[in-house]
Amino acid sequence: MAKHNDLGHKGEEFAVKYLKEKGYYIRETNWRDGKLELDIIAETDNRLIIAEVKTRYSDYISQPTDAITNTKIRNIVKATDHYIKMNNIDKEVRFDIISLVKQQNSFKIEHI
């Protein structure tokens, strides 16, 4: 596995742990259907939470959230719509971003 893929995987694991500690129920991680993809699908307060995780080694040049483009947003919305229809979900939906920057053996986290 490429070094950046390994960091991304560790970041997503850290984000799942963080959300669980905050009381979120994790429905799915790395959900895919064809080209559609969602990093974390969770629930809290009777809401469906779609969390996009961005992990970086450093925020020196740019923030991890800078990687979330308009195209990425459209794809997340399309994937969410597909997931909701496939699973017949009738809940309010919230889109979150979890930004992680590597710091020694852990991560600096920002949950937007």
N, C-alpha and C. Protein backbone atom coordinates (compact mmCIF):
# COMPACT_ATOMS: atom_id res chain seq x y z
N MET A 1 0.86 -1.17 0.00
CA MET A 1 0.00 0.00 0.00
C MET A 1 0.90 1.24 0.00
N ALA A 2 0.58 2.20 -0.82
CA ALA A 2 1.36 3.43 -0.88
C ALA A 2 1.29 4.16 0.46
N LYS A 3 2.35 4.91 0.76
CA LYS A 3 2.45 5.60 2.05
C LYS A 3 1.26 6.52 2.30
N HIS A 4 0.81 7.27 1.26
CA HIS A 4 -0.32 8.18 1.45
C HIS A 4 -1.63 7.43 1.68
N ASN A 5 -1.76 6.25 1.06
CA ASN A 5 -2.96 5.42 1.28
C ASN A 5 -3.00 4.91 2.70
N ASP A 6 -1.83 4.52 3.22
CA ASP A 6 -1.73 4.04 4.60
C ASP A 6 -2.12 5.16 5.57
N LEU A 7 -1.65 6.38 5.31
CA LEU A 7 -2.00 7.51 6.16
C LEU A 7 -3.51 7.76 6.11
N GLY A 8 -4.09 7.71 4.92
CA GLY A 8 -5.53 7.91 4.78
C GLY A 8 -6.33 6.87 5.53
N HIS A 9 -5.90 5.62 5.47
CA HIS A 9 -6.58 4.54 6.19
C HIS A 9 -6.50 4.76 7.70
N LYS A 10 -5.31 5.12 8.18
CA LYS A 10 -5.14 5.38 9.62
C LYS A 10 -5.97 6.59 10.04
N GLY A 11 -6.04 7.60 9.19
CA GLY A 11 -6.86 8.77 9.48
C GLY A 11 -8.33 8.42 9.60
N GLU A 12 -8.82 7.59 8.69
CA GLU A 12 -10.23 7.19 8.75
C GLU A 12 -10.51 6.36 10.00
N GLU A 13 -9.59 5.48 10.38
CA GLU A 13 -9.75 4.72 11.62
C GLU A 13 -9.82 5.65 12.83
N PHE A 14 -8.95 6.66 12.84
CA PHE A 14 -8.94 7.64 13.93
C PHE A 14 -10.26 8.42 13.96
N ALA A 15 -10.76 8.80 12.79
CA ALA A 15 -12.03 9.54 12.71
C ALA A 15 -13.19 8.70 13.23
N VAL A 16 -13.21 7.42 12.89
CA VAL A 16 -14.27 6.52 13.38
C VAL A 16 -14.22 6.43 14.90
N LYS A 17 -13.03 6.26 15.44
CA LYS A 17 -12.85 6.18 16.90
C LYS A 17 -13.34 7.48 17.55
N TYR A 18 -12.96 8.60 16.98
CA TYR A 18 -13.37 9.91 17.48
C TYR A 18 -14.90 10.03 17.50
N LEU A 19 -15.55 9.67 16.40
CA LEU A 19 -17.01 9.78 16.33
C LEU A 19 -17.69 8.84 17.33
N LYS A 20 -17.18 7.62 17.47
CA LYS A 20 -17.75 6.69 18.45
C LYS A 20 -17.64 7.26 19.86
N GLU A 21 -16.49 7.86 20.18
CA GLU A 21 -16.30 8.46 21.50
C GLU A 21 -17.28 9.61 21.74
N LYS A 22 -17.72 10.26 20.67
CA LYS A 22 -18.69 11.35 20.76
C LYS A 22 -20.13 10.83 20.77
N GLY A 23 -20.32 9.51 20.72
CA GLY A 23 -21.64 8.93 20.80
C GLY A 23 -22.32 8.65 19.46
N TYR A 24 -21.59 8.77 18.36
CA TYR A 24 -22.15 8.48 17.05
C TYR A 24 -22.22 6.96 16.85
N TYR A 25 -23.27 6.53 16.18
CA TYR A 25 -23.38 5.13 15.74
C TYR A 25 -22.84 5.07 14.31
N ILE A 26 -21.87 4.23 14.07
CA ILE A 26 -21.27 4.11 12.73
C ILE A 26 -22.04 3.05 11.95
N ARG A 27 -22.71 3.48 10.89
CA ARG A 27 -23.45 2.55 10.02
C ARG A 27 -22.52 1.85 9.04
N GLU A 28 -21.63 2.64 8.41
CA GLU A 28 -20.76 2.08 7.37
C GLU A 28 -19.48 2.92 7.28
N THR A 29 -18.43 2.27 6.84
CA THR A 29 -17.20 2.99 6.50
C THR A 29 -16.79 2.57 5.10
N ASN A 30 -16.23 3.49 4.37
CA ASN A 30 -15.78 3.24 2.99
C ASN A 30 -16.85 2.57 2.14
N TRP A 31 -18.07 3.10 2.23
CA TRP A 31 -19.18 2.56 1.44
C TRP A 31 -18.96 2.90 -0.03
N ARG A 32 -19.16 1.91 -0.85
CA ARG A 32 -19.01 2.09 -2.31
C ARG A 32 -20.15 1.40 -3.04
N ASP A 33 -20.52 2.03 -4.13
CA ASP A 33 -21.45 1.42 -5.08
C ASP A 33 -21.03 1.95 -6.44
N GLY A 34 -20.34 1.11 -7.19
CA GLY A 34 -19.77 1.55 -8.46
C GLY A 34 -18.72 2.61 -8.19
N LYS A 35 -18.88 3.77 -8.82
CA LYS A 35 -17.92 4.87 -8.62
C LYS A 35 -18.30 5.77 -7.46
N LEU A 36 -19.46 5.52 -6.86
CA LEU A 36 -19.90 6.33 -5.73
C LEU A 36 -19.19 5.86 -4.46
N GLU A 37 -18.80 6.83 -3.61
CA GLU A 37 -18.06 6.49 -2.39
C GLU A 37 -18.39 7.47 -1.26
N LEU A 38 -18.55 6.94 -0.05
CA LEU A 38 -18.71 7.74 1.15
C LEU A 38 -17.75 7.21 2.20
N ASP A 39 -17.00 8.11 2.85
CA ASP A 39 -16.00 7.68 3.83
C ASP A 39 -16.64 7.09 5.08
N ILE A 40 -17.49 7.88 5.74
CA ILE A 40 -18.14 7.41 6.97
C ILE A 40 -19.62 7.78 6.91
N ILE A 41 -20.45 6.81 7.21
CA ILE A 41 -21.90 7.03 7.33
C ILE A 41 -22.24 6.71 8.77
N ALA A 42 -22.76 7.70 9.48
CA ALA A 42 -23.03 7.53 10.90
C ALA A 42 -24.42 8.08 11.24
N GLU A 43 -24.81 7.89 12.49
CA GLU A 43 -26.07 8.45 12.97
C GLU A 43 -25.85 9.06 14.34
N THR A 44 -26.54 10.16 14.60
CA THR A 44 -26.61 10.76 15.92
C THR A 44 -27.82 11.67 15.96
N ASP A 45 -28.46 11.73 17.11
CA ASP A 45 -29.63 12.60 17.28
C ASP A 45 -30.65 12.44 16.17
N ASN A 46 -30.90 11.18 15.76
CA ASN A 46 -31.86 10.85 14.71
C ASN A 46 -31.55 11.52 13.38
N ARG A 47 -30.26 11.77 13.13
CA ARG A 47 -29.79 12.33 11.86
C ARG A 47 -28.82 11.35 11.21
N LEU A 48 -28.82 11.36 9.90
CA LEU A 48 -27.82 10.61 9.14
C LEU A 48 -26.66 11.58 8.91
N ILE A 49 -25.46 11.14 9.29
CA ILE A 49 -24.28 11.98 9.16
C ILE A 49 -23.37 11.37 8.09
N ILE A 50 -23.04 12.17 7.10
CA ILE A 50 -22.10 11.76 6.06
C ILE A 50 -20.80 12.53 6.33
N ALA A 51 -19.74 11.81 6.67
CA ALA A 51 -18.48 12.46 7.03
C ALA A 51 -17.42 12.17 5.97
N GLU A 52 -16.89 13.23 5.42
CA GLU A 52 -15.77 13.14 4.48
C GLU A 52 -14.50 13.36 5.29
N VAL A 53 -13.56 12.41 5.18
CA VAL A 53 -12.33 12.47 5.96
C VAL A 53 -11.17 12.87 5.04
N LYS A 54 -10.44 13.88 5.46
CA LYS A 54 -9.25 14.33 4.72
C LYS A 54 -8.07 14.31 5.68
N THR A 55 -7.04 13.56 5.31
CA THR A 55 -5.87 13.38 6.17
C THR A 55 -4.62 13.84 5.43
N ARG A 56 -3.77 14.55 6.13
CA ARG A 56 -2.52 15.05 5.55
C ARG A 56 -1.39 14.89 6.55
N TYR A 57 -0.17 14.86 6.02
CA TYR A 57 1.01 14.83 6.88
C TYR A 57 1.28 16.19 7.50
N SER A 58 0.87 17.25 6.81
CA SER A 58 1.17 18.61 7.26
C SER A 58 0.10 19.55 6.74
N ASP A 59 -0.10 20.63 7.48
CA ASP A 59 -0.99 21.69 6.99
C ASP A 59 -0.18 22.95 6.69
N TYR A 60 1.11 22.75 6.46
CA TYR A 60 2.02 23.87 6.20
C TYR A 60 1.65 24.62 4.91
N ILE A 61 1.38 23.92 3.85
CA ILE A 61 1.07 24.56 2.57
C ILE A 61 -0.43 24.80 2.40
N SER A 62 -1.23 23.80 2.76
CA SER A 62 -2.68 23.94 2.65
C SER A 62 -3.37 23.08 3.69
N GLN A 63 -4.61 23.41 3.93
CA GLN A 63 -5.42 22.65 4.88
C GLN A 63 -5.99 21.41 4.20
N PRO A 64 -6.20 20.33 4.95
CA PRO A 64 -6.82 19.14 4.34
C PRO A 64 -8.16 19.45 3.68
N THR A 65 -8.91 20.38 4.26
CA THR A 65 -10.23 20.71 3.72
C THR A 65 -10.15 21.36 2.34
N ASP A 66 -8.97 21.89 1.98
CA ASP A 66 -8.81 22.50 0.65
C ASP A 66 -9.01 21.48 -0.48
N ALA A 67 -8.90 20.19 -0.15
CA ALA A 67 -9.04 19.14 -1.15
C ALA A 67 -10.51 18.83 -1.47
N ILE A 68 -11.42 19.48 -0.78
CA ILE A 68 -12.84 19.24 -1.03
C ILE A 68 -13.33 20.26 -2.05
N THR A 69 -13.37 19.82 -3.29
CA THR A 69 -13.75 20.68 -4.41
C THR A 69 -15.26 20.63 -4.66
N ASN A 70 -15.73 21.49 -5.51
CA ASN A 70 -17.15 21.46 -5.88
C ASN A 70 -17.53 20.13 -6.52
N THR A 71 -16.64 19.56 -7.31
CA THR A 71 -16.90 18.25 -7.91
C THR A 71 -17.02 17.19 -6.83
N LYS A 72 -16.14 17.23 -5.83
CA LYS A 72 -16.19 16.26 -4.74
C LYS A 72 -17.51 16.40 -3.98
N ILE A 73 -17.93 17.62 -3.74
CA ILE A 73 -19.19 17.86 -3.04
C ILE A 73 -20.36 17.28 -3.83
N ARG A 74 -20.39 17.52 -5.14
CA ARG A 74 -21.47 16.96 -5.97
C ARG A 74 -21.48 15.45 -5.90
N ASN A 75 -20.30 14.82 -5.93
CA ASN A 75 -20.22 13.36 -5.87
C ASN A 75 -20.68 12.82 -4.52
N ILE A 76 -20.36 13.52 -3.44
CA ILE A 76 -20.81 13.10 -2.11
C ILE A 76 -22.34 13.19 -2.01
N VAL A 77 -22.91 14.27 -2.52
CA VAL A 77 -24.37 14.44 -2.50
C VAL A 77 -25.03 13.34 -3.33
N LYS A 78 -24.48 13.07 -4.50
CA LYS A 78 -25.04 12.02 -5.37
C LYS A 78 -24.95 10.65 -4.69
N ALA A 79 -23.81 10.36 -4.07
CA ALA A 79 -23.64 9.08 -3.37
C ALA A 79 -24.60 8.98 -2.19
N THR A 80 -24.77 10.08 -1.47
CA THR A 80 -25.68 10.09 -0.31
C THR A 80 -27.11 9.84 -0.76
N ASP A 81 -27.53 10.50 -1.81
CA ASP A 81 -28.87 10.30 -2.35
C ASP A 81 -29.09 8.83 -2.72
N HIS A 82 -28.09 8.25 -3.36
CA HIS A 82 -28.17 6.83 -3.75
C HIS A 82 -28.26 5.93 -2.50
N TYR A 83 -27.43 6.20 -1.51
CA TYR A 83 -27.42 5.40 -0.28
C TYR A 83 -28.77 5.48 0.43
N ILE A 84 -29.33 6.70 0.52
CA ILE A 84 -30.62 6.89 1.19
C ILE A 84 -31.72 6.12 0.47
N LYS A 85 -31.74 6.18 -0.85
CA LYS A 85 -32.76 5.46 -1.61
C LYS A 85 -32.59 3.95 -1.50
N MET A 86 -31.35 3.47 -1.56
CA MET A 86 -31.09 2.03 -1.46
C MET A 86 -31.53 1.47 -0.11
N ASN A 87 -31.40 2.28 0.94
CA ASN A 87 -31.66 1.81 2.29
C ASN A 87 -32.96 2.36 2.88
N ASN A 88 -33.75 3.02 2.03
CA ASN A 88 -35.05 3.55 2.44
C ASN A 88 -34.96 4.33 3.76
N ILE A 89 -34.06 5.30 3.80
CA ILE A 89 -33.82 6.08 5.01
C ILE A 89 -34.64 7.36 4.96
N ASP A 90 -35.31 7.64 6.08
CA ASP A 90 -36.12 8.86 6.20
C ASP A 90 -35.63 9.63 7.42
N LYS A 91 -34.48 10.27 7.27
CA LYS A 91 -33.89 11.06 8.34
C LYS A 91 -33.30 12.33 7.76
N GLU A 92 -33.18 13.34 8.60
CA GLU A 92 -32.45 14.55 8.22
C GLU A 92 -30.99 14.15 7.99
N VAL A 93 -30.37 14.78 6.98
CA VAL A 93 -28.98 14.46 6.64
C VAL A 93 -28.10 15.66 6.94
N ARG A 94 -26.93 15.37 7.51
CA ARG A 94 -25.93 16.41 7.75
C ARG A 94 -24.62 15.96 7.14
N PHE A 95 -23.94 16.89 6.51
CA PHE A 95 -22.64 16.60 5.90
C PHE A 95 -21.55 17.21 6.78
N ASP A 96 -20.61 16.38 7.21
CA ASP A 96 -19.50 16.82 8.05
C ASP A 96 -18.18 16.61 7.32
N ILE A 97 -17.19 17.36 7.75
CA ILE A 97 -15.82 17.16 7.28
C ILE A 97 -14.97 16.89 8.51
N ILE A 98 -14.15 15.88 8.42
CA ILE A 98 -13.19 15.60 9.47
C ILE A 98 -11.81 15.77 8.87
N SER A 99 -11.12 16.80 9.34
CA SER A 99 -9.80 17.15 8.86
C SER A 99 -8.77 16.66 9.86
N LEU A 100 -7.80 15.89 9.37
CA LEU A 100 -6.77 15.32 10.24
C LEU A 100 -5.39 15.68 9.72
N VAL A 101 -4.53 16.10 10.64
CA VAL A 101 -3.14 16.38 10.30
C VAL A 101 -2.28 15.55 11.24
N LYS A 102 -1.37 14.77 10.67
CA LYS A 102 -0.50 13.87 11.43
C LYS A 102 0.35 14.67 12.41
N GLN A 103 0.40 14.19 13.66
CA GLN A 103 1.25 14.77 14.68
C GLN A 103 1.86 13.64 15.49
N GLN A 104 3.10 13.33 15.23
CA GLN A 104 3.83 12.24 15.86
C GLN A 104 3.01 10.95 15.79
N ASN A 105 2.51 10.45 16.92
CA ASN A 105 1.78 9.17 16.93
C ASN A 105 0.26 9.36 16.94
N SER A 106 -0.21 10.56 16.64
CA SER A 106 -1.64 10.82 16.67
C SER A 106 -2.00 11.81 15.55
N PHE A 107 -3.15 12.45 15.69
CA PHE A 107 -3.61 13.41 14.70
C PHE A 107 -4.20 14.62 15.38
N LYS A 108 -4.02 15.78 14.78
CA LYS A 108 -4.77 16.98 15.16
C LYS A 108 -6.06 16.88 14.37
N ILE A 109 -7.19 16.99 15.05
CA ILE A 109 -8.47 16.79 14.40
C ILE A 109 -9.30 18.07 14.43
N GLU A 110 -10.00 18.31 13.33
CA GLU A 110 -10.97 19.39 13.25
C GLU A 110 -12.23 18.78 12.66
N HIS A 111 -13.32 18.88 13.39
CA HIS A 111 -14.60 18.32 12.96
C HIS A 111 -15.52 19.47 12.60
N ILE A 112 -15.79 19.59 11.32
CA ILE A 112 -16.63 20.68 10.81
C ILE A 112 -17.99 20.13 10.43
